[in-house]
Amino acid sequence: MAVTQAHIRSGLEKLPRFKLSHLDTPLEPLDRLRQALIDEGVSVPNRLLVKRDDTTGLAFGGNKGRHFEFEIAHILEGGYDTVININHYHSNQARFVAAGCAKAGLKYHIVSTDMVTAPLTGNLLLCKLMGAEIHRVPAEYGRQTTEKIFAQVTGEGGKPYILPDDPFVDIMGMIGFLEAGLEFEEQFVDDKVEGPVRFWGLTGRSIAGLRLYAKNRGLDWRATAVQYSPGKVADFHKITAARAAQVVDMFDLEIGLDDSDIDVLEDYRGPAYGVPDDGTIEAILMVGKAEGLILDPNYTGKSMSGLIGELRAGRIDPHETICFIHSGGLPQLFAHADRFAD
């Protein structure tokens, strides 16, 4: 028997929360993109939709607005006054932590690893504008720098929280997208979406949360995730299944995730994290010209490149409704301006 919407809502209501996002986000058609593909001779499904999680509002928006409503509340409940984070130069997560800390009155240190001489732009610039103290170090010094900051804050009488060290961080995104599942169900009814749905996104917690929601609700929603950086698909499935098991226990759900639940595409990730290939650049330009919709080179551009590539290859069921998850990431477009300037 399927888990009820009321059961999932009840579980969400029990968790502490700090409001950060404008929800519900719009669900919109991509009719001009669809027509552009048809004009190429590509067979496309009858409905191609986009979930506009780039419009969650805070600090240029993005799917992590949903995630951090639970994480910032979790930090505040623990009585912490300072957050220390370690992440890459291109990190959207680092930006959202900065925004959440600013809204909640928490001090924030971001240990920004790699690309230490790159211009202060995109997400890292926004971190600075929102009051973050930025420490730019090579990746091998990330943990050492973090421990030094932790000791200094503690010595000054503060209560610091090291974000990557808390297991809750691993599941908050999945929790946020259980709630997004509730949102989708209502929007699909309003928009008369019938038949099978395939969510299209990136390897991560968000799309896993939607698939977990669908399985427990007994819905015909499948999921495809495009890799945005190198990594073993088997490792993604293993980690995702373990995180889903924690959420199942927390929400008293009936079933978790296994390897068959999310199709993972490896061919569109580009040469490295934060490095777009020609297909990503083409996808960004194509969607921008067709829809006035802006994607980013590190995440959504790669995901859209995968969708366009698989449609062109005839590997998508034309009977499915495709729902592209626009997860945001827009500030990093400016870190790659040279790829678009000509």
C-alpha atoms as a PDB file:
ATOM      1  CA  MET A   1       0.000   0.000   0.000  1.00  0.00           C
ATOM      2  CA  ALA A   2       1.355   3.404  -0.999  1.00  0.00           C
ATOM      3  CA  VAL A   3       2.545   5.874   1.603  1.00  0.00           C
ATOM      4  CA  THR A   4       0.094   8.786   1.816  1.00  0.00           C
ATOM      5  CA  GLN A   5       0.863  12.425   1.158  1.00  0.00           C
ATOM      6  CA  ALA A   6      -0.326  13.197   4.693  1.00  0.00           C
ATOM      7  CA  HIS A   7       2.233  10.780   6.118  1.00  0.00           C
ATOM      8  CA  ILE A   8       5.084  12.510   4.282  1.00  0.00           C
ATOM      9  CA  ARG A   9       3.812  15.974   5.227  1.00  0.00           C
ATOM     10  CA  SER A  10       3.633  14.893   8.854  1.00  0.00           C
ATOM     11  CA  GLY A  11       7.268  13.784   8.763  1.00  0.00           C
ATOM     12  CA  LEU A  12       8.347  17.088   7.243  1.00  0.00           C
ATOM     13  CA  GLU A  13       6.423  19.104   9.816  1.00  0.00           C
ATOM     14  CA  LYS A  14       8.310  17.387  12.641  1.00  0.00           C
ATOM     15  CA  LEU A  15      11.662  18.716  11.416  1.00  0.00           C
ATOM     16  CA  PRO A  16      12.980  22.134  12.423  1.00  0.00           C
ATOM     17  CA  ARG A  17      12.931  24.588   9.545  1.00  0.00           C
ATOM     18  CA  PHE A  18      14.287  28.012   8.665  1.00  0.00           C
ATOM     19  CA  LYS A  19      12.474  29.664   5.769  1.00  0.00           C
ATOM     20  CA  LEU A  20      14.745  30.501   2.834  1.00  0.00           C
ATOM     21  CA  SER A  21      12.868  29.781  -0.396  1.00  0.00           C
ATOM     22  CA  HIS A  22       9.929  30.976  -2.457  1.00  0.00           C
ATOM     23  CA  LEU A  23       7.867  27.833  -2.987  1.00  0.00           C
ATOM     24  CA  ASP A  24       6.154  26.423  -5.011  1.00  0.00           C
ATOM     25  CA  THR A  25       8.471  26.982  -7.960  1.00  0.00           C
ATOM     26  CA  PRO A  26       6.911  27.121 -11.446  1.00  0.00           C
ATOM     27  CA  LEU A  27       6.530  24.167 -13.778  1.00  0.00           C
ATOM     28  CA  GLU A  28       6.760  25.431 -17.348  1.00  0.00           C
ATOM     29  CA  PRO A  29       6.674  23.984 -20.892  1.00  0.00           C
ATOM     30  CA  LEU A  30       9.746  24.004 -23.105  1.00  0.00           C
ATOM     31  CA  ASP A  31       7.731  24.227 -26.301  1.00  0.00           C
ATOM     32  CA  ARG A  32      10.193  26.272 -28.343  1.00  0.00           C
ATOM     33  CA  LEU A  33      13.093  23.988 -27.455  1.00  0.00           C
ATOM     34  CA  ARG A  34      10.905  21.041 -28.356  1.00  0.00           C
ATOM     35  CA  GLN A  35      10.084  22.638 -31.730  1.00  0.00           C
ATOM     36  CA  ALA A  36      13.757  23.415 -32.407  1.00  0.00           C
ATOM     37  CA  LEU A  37      14.539  19.715 -31.961  1.00  0.00           C
ATOM     38  CA  ILE A  38      11.611  18.695 -34.161  1.00  0.00           C
ATOM     39  CA  ASP A  39      12.934  21.049 -36.851  1.00  0.00           C
ATOM     40  CA  GLU A  40      16.191  19.051 -36.711  1.00  0.00           C
ATOM     41  CA  GLY A  41      14.209  15.889 -37.384  1.00  0.00           C
ATOM     42  CA  VAL A  42      14.447  14.660 -33.801  1.00  0.00           C
ATOM     43  CA  SER A  43      11.618  12.582 -32.343  1.00  0.00           C
ATOM     44  CA  VAL A  44      10.598  14.188 -29.059  1.00  0.00           C
ATOM     45  CA  PRO A  45       7.961  13.423 -26.424  1.00  0.00           C
ATOM     46  CA  ASN A  46       4.673  15.291 -26.521  1.00  0.00           C
ATOM     47  CA  ARG A  47       5.538  17.148 -23.340  1.00  0.00           C
ATOM     48  CA  LEU A  48       8.863  18.634 -22.351  1.00  0.00           C
ATOM     49  CA  LEU A  49       8.714  20.558 -19.062  1.00  0.00           C
ATOM     50  CA  VAL A  50      11.121  22.407 -16.793  1.00  0.00           C
ATOM     51  CA  LYS A  51      10.887  22.750 -13.018  1.00  0.00           C
ATOM     52  CA  ARG A  52      12.170  26.240 -12.254  1.00  0.00           C
ATOM     53  CA  ASP A  53      14.077  25.687  -9.033  1.00  0.00           C
ATOM     54  CA  ASP A  54      16.372  28.454 -10.231  1.00  0.00           C
ATOM     55  CA  THR A  55      13.581  30.748  -8.956  1.00  0.00           C
ATOM     56  CA  THR A  56      13.682  29.808  -5.262  1.00  0.00           C
ATOM     57  CA  GLY A  57      14.812  33.376  -4.654  1.00  0.00           C
ATOM     58  CA  LEU A  58      17.598  33.585  -2.115  1.00  0.00           C
ATOM     59  CA  ALA A  59      21.032  34.527  -3.512  1.00  0.00           C
ATOM     60  CA  PHE A  60      20.090  33.901  -7.163  1.00  0.00           C
ATOM     61  CA  GLY A  61      18.064  30.779  -6.354  1.00  0.00           C
ATOM     62  CA  GLY A  62      18.602  27.085  -6.899  1.00  0.00           C
ATOM     63  CA  ASN A  63      17.563  23.683  -5.606  1.00  0.00           C
ATOM     64  CA  LYS A  64      19.778  24.002  -2.544  1.00  0.00           C
ATOM     65  CA  GLY A  65      17.360  26.572  -1.194  1.00  0.00           C
ATOM     66  CA  ARG A  66      15.109  23.608  -0.426  1.00  0.00           C
ATOM     67  CA  HIS A  67      17.998  21.676   1.135  1.00  0.00           C
ATOM     68  CA  PHE A  68      19.217  24.407   3.437  1.00  0.00           C
ATOM     69  CA  GLU A  69      15.861  25.263   4.968  1.00  0.00           C
ATOM     70  CA  PHE A  70      16.395  22.085   6.961  1.00  0.00           C
ATOM     71  CA  GLU A  71      20.169  22.417   7.399  1.00  0.00           C
ATOM     72  CA  ILE A  72      20.204  25.985   8.742  1.00  0.00           C
ATOM     73  CA  ALA A  73      17.441  25.072  11.204  1.00  0.00           C
ATOM     74  CA  HIS A  74      19.472  22.009  12.228  1.00  0.00           C
ATOM     75  CA  ILE A  75      22.510  24.229  12.903  1.00  0.00           C
ATOM     76  CA  LEU A  76      20.506  26.741  14.915  1.00  0.00           C
ATOM     77  CA  GLU A  77      18.882  23.983  16.947  1.00  0.00           C
ATOM     78  CA  GLY A  78      22.370  22.768  17.865  1.00  0.00           C
ATOM     79  CA  GLY A  79      23.233  26.177  19.320  1.00  0.00           C
ATOM     80  CA  TYR A  80      26.112  26.883  16.922  1.00  0.00           C
ATOM     81  CA  ASP A  81      27.149  30.448  16.108  1.00  0.00           C
ATOM     82  CA  THR A  82      29.743  29.835  13.386  1.00  0.00           C
ATOM     83  CA  VAL A  83      29.698  27.631  10.295  1.00  0.00           C
ATOM     84  CA  ILE A  84      32.896  26.382   8.660  1.00  0.00           C
ATOM     85  CA  ASN A  85      32.539  24.904   5.197  1.00  0.00           C
ATOM     86  CA  ILE A  86      34.973  23.299   2.756  1.00  0.00           C
ATOM     87  CA  ASN A  87      34.142  23.319  -0.939  1.00  0.00           C
ATOM     88  CA  HIS A  88      35.373  24.021  -4.441  1.00  0.00           C
ATOM     89  CA  TYR A  89      35.749  27.419  -6.115  1.00  0.00           C
ATOM     90  CA  HIS A  90      32.690  26.676  -8.280  1.00  0.00           C
ATOM     91  CA  SER A  91      30.460  25.545  -5.392  1.00  0.00           C
ATOM     92  CA  ASN A  92      26.783  26.532  -5.409  1.00  0.00           C
ATOM     93  CA  GLN A  93      26.504  24.967  -1.979  1.00  0.00           C
ATOM     94  CA  ALA A  94      29.064  27.429  -0.603  1.00  0.00           C
ATOM     95  CA  ARG A  95      26.911  30.313  -1.840  1.00  0.00           C
ATOM     96  CA  PHE A  96      23.763  28.933  -0.237  1.00  0.00           C
ATOM     97  CA  VAL A  97      25.486  28.379   3.080  1.00  0.00           C
ATOM     98  CA  ALA A  98      26.629  32.015   2.951  1.00  0.00           C
ATOM     99  CA  ALA A  99      23.079  33.170   2.245  1.00  0.00           C
ATOM    100  CA  GLY A 100      21.562  30.981   4.944  1.00  0.00           C
ATOM    101  CA  CYS A 101      24.107  32.139   7.502  1.00  0.00           C
ATOM    102  CA  ALA A 102      23.471  35.780   6.629  1.00  0.00           C
ATOM    103  CA  LYS A 103      19.707  35.318   7.066  1.00  0.00           C
ATOM    104  CA  ALA A 104      20.178  33.437  10.349  1.00  0.00           C
ATOM    105  CA  GLY A 105      22.840  35.709  11.828  1.00  0.00           C
ATOM    106  CA  LEU A 106      25.577  33.058  11.810  1.00  0.00           C
ATOM    107  CA  LYS A 107      29.245  33.722  11.118  1.00  0.00           C
ATOM    108  CA  TYR A 108      30.530  31.891   8.059  1.00  0.00           C
ATOM    109  CA  HIS A 109      33.963  30.732   6.939  1.00  0.00           C
ATOM    110  CA  ILE A 110      34.321  29.150   3.504  1.00  0.00           C
ATOM    111  CA  VAL A 111      37.521  27.216   2.869  1.00  0.00           C
ATOM    112  CA  SER A 112      37.536  27.475  -0.914  1.00  0.00           C
ATOM    113  CA  THR A 113      39.757  24.814  -2.432  1.00  0.00           C
ATOM    114  CA  ASP A 114      41.420  24.685  -5.850  1.00  0.00           C
ATOM    115  CA  MET A 115      41.616  27.470  -8.444  1.00  0.00           C
ATOM    116  CA  VAL A 116      43.105  29.704  -5.761  1.00  0.00           C
ATOM    117  CA  THR A 117      44.270  32.330  -8.261  1.00  0.00           C
ATOM    118  CA  ALA A 118      41.039  32.454 -10.281  1.00  0.00           C
ATOM    119  CA  PRO A 119      39.170  35.792 -10.247  1.00  0.00           C
ATOM    120  CA  LEU A 120      36.771  36.475  -7.395  1.00  0.00           C
ATOM    121  CA  THR A 121      33.563  36.056  -9.362  1.00  0.00           C
ATOM    122  CA  GLY A 122      30.411  33.967  -9.473  1.00  0.00           C
ATOM    123  CA  ASN A 123      29.535  32.082  -6.316  1.00  0.00           C
ATOM    124  CA  LEU A 124      32.658  33.090  -4.433  1.00  0.00           C
ATOM    125  CA  LEU A 125      32.035  36.785  -5.070  1.00  0.00           C
ATOM    126  CA  LEU A 126      28.503  36.373  -3.741  1.00  0.00           C
ATOM    127  CA  CYS A 127      29.883  34.666  -0.641  1.00  0.00           C
ATOM    128  CA  LYS A 128      31.989  37.764   0.005  1.00  0.00           C
ATOM    129  CA  LEU A 129      29.026  40.095  -0.557  1.00  0.00           C
ATOM    130  CA  MET A 130      27.058  38.110   2.026  1.00  0.00           C
ATOM    131  CA  GLY A 131      29.706  38.463   4.710  1.00  0.00           C
ATOM    132  CA  ALA A 132      31.648  35.226   4.386  1.00  0.00           C
ATOM    133  CA  GLU A 133      35.266  35.064   5.463  1.00  0.00           C
ATOM    134  CA  ILE A 134      36.997  33.383   2.533  1.00  0.00           C
ATOM    135  CA  HIS A 135      40.098  31.195   2.855  1.00  0.00           C
ATOM    136  CA  ARG A 136      41.486  30.158  -0.542  1.00  0.00           C
ATOM    137  CA  VAL A 137      43.806  27.183  -0.296  1.00  0.00           C
ATOM    138  CA  PRO A 138      44.875  24.192  -2.389  1.00  0.00           C
ATOM    139  CA  ALA A 139      42.700  21.132  -1.764  1.00  0.00           C
ATOM    140  CA  GLU A 140      45.395  19.327   0.225  1.00  0.00           C
ATOM    141  CA  TYR A 141      45.309  22.115   2.841  1.00  0.00           C
ATOM    142  CA  GLY A 142      41.535  22.270   3.165  1.00  0.00           C
ATOM    143  CA  ARG A 143      41.168  20.142   6.272  1.00  0.00           C
ATOM    144  CA  GLN A 144      44.214  21.671   7.991  1.00  0.00           C
ATOM    145  CA  THR A 145      42.842  25.163   7.428  1.00  0.00           C
ATOM    146  CA  THR A 146      39.415  24.118   8.696  1.00  0.00           C
ATOM    147  CA  GLU A 147      40.834  22.695  11.919  1.00  0.00           C
ATOM    148  CA  LYS A 148      42.819  25.896  12.474  1.00  0.00           C
ATOM    149  CA  ILE A 149      39.680  28.033  12.110  1.00  0.00           C
ATOM    150  CA  PHE A 150      37.757  25.659  14.393  1.00  0.00           C
ATOM    151  CA  ALA A 151      40.409  25.981  17.115  1.00  0.00           C
ATOM    152  CA  GLN A 152      40.525  29.769  16.793  1.00  0.00           C
ATOM    153  CA  VAL A 153      36.726  30.184  17.031  1.00  0.00           C
ATOM    154  CA  THR A 154      36.547  27.794  19.973  1.00  0.00           C
ATOM    155  CA  GLY A 155      39.350  29.611  21.722  1.00  0.00           C
ATOM    156  CA  GLU A 156      37.465  32.877  21.358  1.00  0.00           C
ATOM    157  CA  GLY A 157      34.423  31.374  23.061  1.00  0.00           C
ATOM    158  CA  GLY A 158      32.413  30.552  19.933  1.00  0.00           C
ATOM    159  CA  LYS A 159      30.666  27.339  19.012  1.00  0.00           C
ATOM    160  CA  PRO A 160      31.769  26.343  15.491  1.00  0.00           C
ATOM    161  CA  TYR A 161      30.105  23.763  13.260  1.00  0.00           C
ATOM    162  CA  ILE A 162      32.062  22.017  10.489  1.00  0.00           C
ATOM    163  CA  LEU A 163      29.464  21.457   7.790  1.00  0.00           C
ATOM    164  CA  PRO A 164      30.979  18.458   5.943  1.00  0.00           C
ATOM    165  CA  ASP A 165      31.413  16.524   9.204  1.00  0.00           C
ATOM    166  CA  ASP A 166      27.692  16.251  10.018  1.00  0.00           C
ATOM    167  CA  PRO A 167      25.851  13.221   8.535  1.00  0.00           C
ATOM    168  CA  PHE A 168      22.641  15.275   8.325  1.00  0.00           C
ATOM    169  CA  VAL A 169      24.193  17.177   5.415  1.00  0.00           C
ATOM    170  CA  ASP A 170      24.114  13.948   3.405  1.00  0.00           C
ATOM    171  CA  ILE A 171      20.337  13.557   3.631  1.00  0.00           C
ATOM    172  CA  MET A 172      18.898  17.086   3.839  1.00  0.00           C
ATOM    173  CA  GLY A 173      18.694  17.377   0.047  1.00  0.00           C
ATOM    174  CA  MET A 174      16.752  14.156  -0.254  1.00  0.00           C
ATOM    175  CA  ILE A 175      14.383  15.411   2.437  1.00  0.00           C
ATOM    176  CA  GLY A 176      13.889  18.685   0.593  1.00  0.00           C
ATOM    177  CA  PHE A 177      12.885  16.822  -2.533  1.00  0.00           C
ATOM    178  CA  LEU A 178      10.450  14.576  -0.733  1.00  0.00           C
ATOM    179  CA  GLU A 179       8.603  17.839  -0.228  1.00  0.00           C
ATOM    180  CA  ALA A 180       9.158  18.735  -3.884  1.00  0.00           C
ATOM    181  CA  GLY A 181       7.409  15.457  -4.720  1.00  0.00           C
ATOM    182  CA  LEU A 182       4.281  16.720  -2.965  1.00  0.00           C
ATOM    183  CA  GLU A 183       4.564  19.902  -5.008  1.00  0.00           C
ATOM    184  CA  PHE A 184       4.944  17.981  -8.267  1.00  0.00           C
ATOM    185  CA  GLU A 185       1.887  15.837  -7.647  1.00  0.00           C
ATOM    186  CA  GLU A 186      -0.310  18.909  -7.340  1.00  0.00           C
ATOM    187  CA  GLN A 187       1.243  20.613 -10.372  1.00  0.00           C
ATOM    188  CA  PHE A 188       0.867  17.511 -12.533  1.00  0.00           C
ATOM    189  CA  VAL A 189      -2.834  17.384 -11.693  1.00  0.00           C
ATOM    190  CA  ASP A 190      -3.247  21.083 -12.486  1.00  0.00           C
ATOM    191  CA  ASP A 191      -1.350  20.735 -15.781  1.00  0.00           C
ATOM    192  CA  LYS A 192      -3.090  17.465 -16.714  1.00  0.00           C
ATOM    193  CA  VAL A 193       0.173  15.534 -16.925  1.00  0.00           C
ATOM    194  CA  GLU A 194      -0.780  11.911 -17.466  1.00  0.00           C
ATOM    195  CA  GLY A 195       1.180   8.724 -18.063  1.00  0.00           C
ATOM    196  CA  PRO A 196       4.814   8.054 -17.223  1.00  0.00           C
ATOM    197  CA  VAL A 197       7.092  10.912 -16.169  1.00  0.00           C
ATOM    198  CA  ARG A 198      10.866  10.972 -16.398  1.00  0.00           C
ATOM    199  CA  PHE A 199      12.680  13.464 -14.211  1.00  0.00           C
ATOM    200  CA  TRP A 200      15.921  14.659 -15.770  1.00  0.00           C
ATOM    201  CA  GLY A 201      18.627  16.086 -13.577  1.00  0.00           C
ATOM    202  CA  LEU A 202      22.074  15.575 -12.099  1.00  0.00           C
ATOM    203  CA  THR A 203      23.668  12.936  -9.919  1.00  0.00           C
ATOM    204  CA  GLY A 204      22.925  14.082  -6.409  1.00  0.00           C
ATOM    205  CA  ARG A 205      20.403  14.183  -3.601  1.00  0.00           C
ATOM    206  CA  SER A 206      17.601  16.074  -5.319  1.00  0.00           C
ATOM    207  CA  ILE A 207      16.687  13.627  -8.043  1.00  0.00           C
ATOM    208  CA  ALA A 208      17.175  10.773  -5.575  1.00  0.00           C
ATOM    209  CA  GLY A 209      14.623  12.391  -3.269  1.00  0.00           C
ATOM    210  CA  LEU A 210      12.087  12.556  -6.086  1.00  0.00           C
ATOM    211  CA  ARG A 211      12.627   8.919  -7.008  1.00  0.00           C
ATOM    212  CA  LEU A 212      12.291   7.891  -3.358  1.00  0.00           C
ATOM    213  CA  TYR A 213       9.049   9.851  -3.124  1.00  0.00           C
ATOM    214  CA  ALA A 214       7.681   8.233  -6.291  1.00  0.00           C
ATOM    215  CA  LYS A 215       8.479   4.685  -5.174  1.00  0.00           C
ATOM    216  CA  ASN A 216       6.769   5.144  -1.841  1.00  0.00           C
ATOM    217  CA  ARG A 217       3.767   6.846  -3.410  1.00  0.00           C
ATOM    218  CA  GLY A 218       3.439   4.192  -6.122  1.00  0.00           C
ATOM    219  CA  LEU A 219       3.812   6.736  -8.946  1.00  0.00           C
ATOM    220  CA  ASP A 220       5.049   6.073 -12.477  1.00  0.00           C
ATOM    221  CA  TRP A 221       7.924   8.526 -12.180  1.00  0.00           C
ATOM    222  CA  ARG A 222      11.375   7.460 -13.336  1.00  0.00           C
ATOM    223  CA  ALA A 223      14.671   9.350 -13.109  1.00  0.00           C
ATOM    224  CA  THR A 224      17.760   9.974 -15.215  1.00  0.00           C
ATOM    225  CA  ALA A 225      20.793  11.673 -13.688  1.00  0.00           C
ATOM    226  CA  VAL A 226      23.661  13.117 -15.715  1.00  0.00           C
ATOM    227  CA  GLN A 227      27.113  13.074 -14.151  1.00  0.00           C
ATOM    228  CA  TYR A 228      28.770  16.483 -13.875  1.00  0.00           C
ATOM    229  CA  SER A 229      32.172  15.216 -12.721  1.00  0.00           C
ATOM    230  CA  PRO A 230      34.196  11.986 -12.937  1.00  0.00           C
ATOM    231  CA  GLY A 231      33.170   9.200 -10.599  1.00  0.00           C
ATOM    232  CA  LYS A 232      32.107   5.577 -10.531  1.00  0.00           C
ATOM    233  CA  VAL A 233      28.417   5.016 -11.150  1.00  0.00           C
ATOM    234  CA  ALA A 234      28.472   2.110  -8.718  1.00  0.00           C
ATOM    235  CA  ASP A 235      29.696   4.451  -5.975  1.00  0.00           C
ATOM    236  CA  PHE A 236      26.849   6.885  -6.667  1.00  0.00           C
ATOM    237  CA  HIS A 237      24.284   4.093  -6.397  1.00  0.00           C
ATOM    238  CA  LYS A 238      25.827   2.769  -3.194  1.00  0.00           C
ATOM    239  CA  ILE A 239      25.963   6.155  -1.497  1.00  0.00           C
ATOM    240  CA  THR A 240      22.468   7.068  -2.666  1.00  0.00           C
ATOM    241  CA  ALA A 241      20.990   3.802  -1.382  1.00  0.00           C
ATOM    242  CA  ALA A 242      22.629   4.328   2.026  1.00  0.00           C
ATOM    243  CA  ARG A 243      21.313   7.880   2.303  1.00  0.00           C
ATOM    244  CA  ALA A 244      17.854   6.814   1.182  1.00  0.00           C
ATOM    245  CA  ALA A 245      17.820   4.133   3.894  1.00  0.00           C
ATOM    246  CA  GLN A 246      18.358   6.842   6.513  1.00  0.00           C
ATOM    247  CA  VAL A 247      15.456   8.877   5.127  1.00  0.00           C
ATOM    248  CA  VAL A 248      13.250   5.783   5.025  1.00  0.00           C
ATOM    249  CA  ASP A 249      13.904   5.254   8.734  1.00  0.00           C
ATOM    250  CA  MET A 250      13.410   8.922   9.593  1.00  0.00           C
ATOM    251  CA  PHE A 251      10.076   9.182   7.757  1.00  0.00           C
ATOM    252  CA  ASP A 252       8.859   5.632   8.373  1.00  0.00           C
ATOM    253  CA  LEU A 253       8.604   4.936   4.649  1.00  0.00           C
ATOM    254  CA  GLU A 254       8.146   1.519   3.104  1.00  0.00           C
ATOM    255  CA  ILE A 255      10.896   1.184   0.521  1.00  0.00           C
ATOM    256  CA  GLY A 256      14.324   2.605  -0.285  1.00  0.00           C
ATOM    257  CA  LEU A 257      16.390   2.926  -3.457  1.00  0.00           C
ATOM    258  CA  ASP A 258      18.482   0.428  -5.380  1.00  0.00           C
ATOM    259  CA  ASP A 259      20.732   0.491  -8.442  1.00  0.00           C
ATOM    260  CA  SER A 260      17.828   0.277 -10.886  1.00  0.00           C
ATOM    261  CA  ASP A 261      16.066   3.372  -9.616  1.00  0.00           C
ATOM    262  CA  ILE A 262      18.162   6.092 -11.254  1.00  0.00           C
ATOM    263  CA  ASP A 263      19.666   5.786 -14.727  1.00  0.00           C
ATOM    264  CA  VAL A 264      23.063   7.480 -14.719  1.00  0.00           C
ATOM    265  CA  LEU A 265      24.653   8.919 -17.858  1.00  0.00           C
ATOM    266  CA  GLU A 266      28.449   9.249 -17.924  1.00  0.00           C
ATOM    267  CA  ASP A 267      28.975  10.636 -21.429  1.00  0.00           C
ATOM    268  CA  TYR A 268      28.072  14.285 -20.824  1.00  0.00           C
ATOM    269  CA  ARG A 269      30.174  15.196 -17.781  1.00  0.00           C
ATOM    270  CA  GLY A 270      32.974  16.880 -19.716  1.00  0.00           C
ATOM    271  CA  PRO A 271      36.676  16.512 -18.950  1.00  0.00           C
ATOM    272  CA  ALA A 272      36.399  17.494 -15.255  1.00  0.00           C
ATOM    273  CA  TYR A 273      34.247  19.098 -12.589  1.00  0.00           C
ATOM    274  CA  GLY A 274      33.687  22.733 -13.445  1.00  0.00           C
ATOM    275  CA  VAL A 275      34.908  22.252 -17.029  1.00  0.00           C
ATOM    276  CA  PRO A 276      32.227  22.355 -19.754  1.00  0.00           C
ATOM    277  CA  ASP A 277      32.689  20.628 -23.085  1.00  0.00           C
ATOM    278  CA  ASP A 278      31.371  21.750 -26.486  1.00  0.00           C
ATOM    279  CA  GLY A 279      28.080  19.901 -25.978  1.00  0.00           C
ATOM    280  CA  THR A 280      27.446  21.824 -22.763  1.00  0.00           C
ATOM    281  CA  ILE A 281      28.155  25.151 -24.455  1.00  0.00           C
ATOM    282  CA  GLU A 282      25.837  24.229 -27.340  1.00  0.00           C
ATOM    283  CA  ALA A 283      23.053  23.256 -24.933  1.00  0.00           C
ATOM    284  CA  ILE A 284      23.311  26.558 -23.035  1.00  0.00           C
ATOM    285  CA  LEU A 285      23.174  28.577 -26.249  1.00  0.00           C
ATOM    286  CA  MET A 286      20.357  26.496 -27.716  1.00  0.00           C
ATOM    287  CA  VAL A 287      18.124  26.785 -24.646  1.00  0.00           C
ATOM    288  CA  GLY A 288      18.927  30.460 -24.171  1.00  0.00           C
ATOM    289  CA  LYS A 289      17.951  31.306 -27.753  1.00  0.00           C
ATOM    290  CA  ALA A 290      14.870  29.075 -27.787  1.00  0.00           C
ATOM    291  CA  GLU A 291      13.420  29.781 -24.357  1.00  0.00           C
ATOM    292  CA  GLY A 292      15.170  32.774 -22.786  1.00  0.00           C
ATOM    293  CA  LEU A 293      16.164  30.289 -20.099  1.00  0.00           C
ATOM    294  CA  ILE A 294      19.692  30.511 -18.715  1.00  0.00           C
ATOM    295  CA  LEU A 295      21.649  27.391 -17.755  1.00  0.00           C
ATOM    296  CA  ASP A 296      25.118  27.157 -16.209  1.00  0.00           C
ATOM    297  CA  PRO A 297      28.275  25.439 -17.525  1.00  0.00           C
ATOM    298  CA  ASN A 298      29.000  23.274 -14.474  1.00  0.00           C
ATOM    299  CA  TYR A 299      25.664  21.634 -13.736  1.00  0.00           C
ATOM    300  CA  THR A 300      22.443  22.336 -15.633  1.00  0.00           C
ATOM    301  CA  GLY A 301      24.252  22.857 -18.929  1.00  0.00           C
ATOM    302  CA  LYS A 302      25.697  19.354 -18.670  1.00  0.00           C
ATOM    303  CA  SER A 303      22.321  17.927 -17.698  1.00  0.00           C
ATOM    304  CA  MET A 304      20.630  19.614 -20.675  1.00  0.00           C
ATOM    305  CA  SER A 305      23.437  18.473 -22.968  1.00  0.00           C
ATOM    306  CA  GLY A 306      22.600  14.942 -21.882  1.00  0.00           C
ATOM    307  CA  LEU A 307      18.899  15.411 -22.562  1.00  0.00           C
ATOM    308  CA  ILE A 308      19.469  16.876 -26.014  1.00  0.00           C
ATOM    309  CA  GLY A 309      22.065  14.220 -26.832  1.00  0.00           C
ATOM    310  CA  GLU A 310      19.825  11.334 -25.788  1.00  0.00           C
ATOM    311  CA  LEU A 311      16.864  12.770 -27.711  1.00  0.00           C
ATOM    312  CA  ARG A 312      18.993  13.109 -30.824  1.00  0.00           C
ATOM    313  CA  ALA A 313      20.175   9.526 -30.374  1.00  0.00           C
ATOM    314  CA  GLY A 314      16.585   8.272 -30.115  1.00  0.00           C
ATOM    315  CA  ARG A 315      17.114   6.774 -26.670  1.00  0.00           C
ATOM    316  CA  ILE A 316      14.161   8.421 -24.885  1.00  0.00           C
ATOM    317  CA  ASP A 317      10.680   6.932 -24.796  1.00  0.00           C
ATOM    318  CA  PRO A 318       8.415   9.357 -26.709  1.00  0.00           C
ATOM    319  CA  HIS A 319       5.486   8.343 -24.494  1.00  0.00           C
ATOM    320  CA  GLU A 320       7.103   9.780 -21.370  1.00  0.00           C
ATOM    321  CA  THR A 321       6.685  13.331 -20.158  1.00  0.00           C
ATOM    322  CA  ILE A 322      10.175  14.706 -19.607  1.00  0.00           C
ATOM    323  CA  CYS A 323      10.593  17.063 -16.660  1.00  0.00           C
ATOM    324  CA  PHE A 324      13.950  18.825 -16.562  1.00  0.00           C
ATOM    325  CA  ILE A 325      15.049  19.925 -13.090  1.00  0.00           C
ATOM    326  CA  HIS A 326      16.595  23.393 -13.341  1.00  0.00           C
ATOM    327  CA  SER A 327      18.693  23.358 -10.179  1.00  0.00           C
ATOM    328  CA  GLY A 328      20.137  26.861 -10.564  1.00  0.00           C
ATOM    329  CA  GLY A 329      23.877  27.489 -10.493  1.00  0.00           C
ATOM    330  CA  LEU A 330      23.610  30.643 -12.590  1.00  0.00           C
ATOM    331  CA  PRO A 331      26.349  32.732 -10.916  1.00  0.00           C
ATOM    332  CA  GLN A 332      29.050  30.397 -12.237  1.00  0.00           C
ATOM    333  CA  LEU A 333      28.114  31.249 -15.795  1.00  0.00           C
ATOM    334  CA  PHE A 334      30.202  34.391 -15.335  1.00  0.00           C
ATOM    335  CA  ALA A 335      33.251  32.371 -14.315  1.00  0.00           C
ATOM    336  CA  HIS A 336      33.186  30.928 -17.850  1.00  0.00           C
ATOM    337  CA  ALA A 337      32.388  34.159 -19.707  1.00  0.00           C
ATOM    338  CA  ASP A 338      35.293  33.673 -22.115  1.00  0.00           C
ATOM    339  CA  ARG A 339      33.563  30.599 -23.586  1.00  0.00           C
ATOM    340  CA  PHE A 340      30.570  32.713 -24.633  1.00  0.00           C
ATOM    341  CA  ALA A 341      32.037  36.146 -25.364  1.00  0.00           C
ATOM    342  CA  ASP A 342      32.595  35.470 -29.076  1.00  0.00           C
END
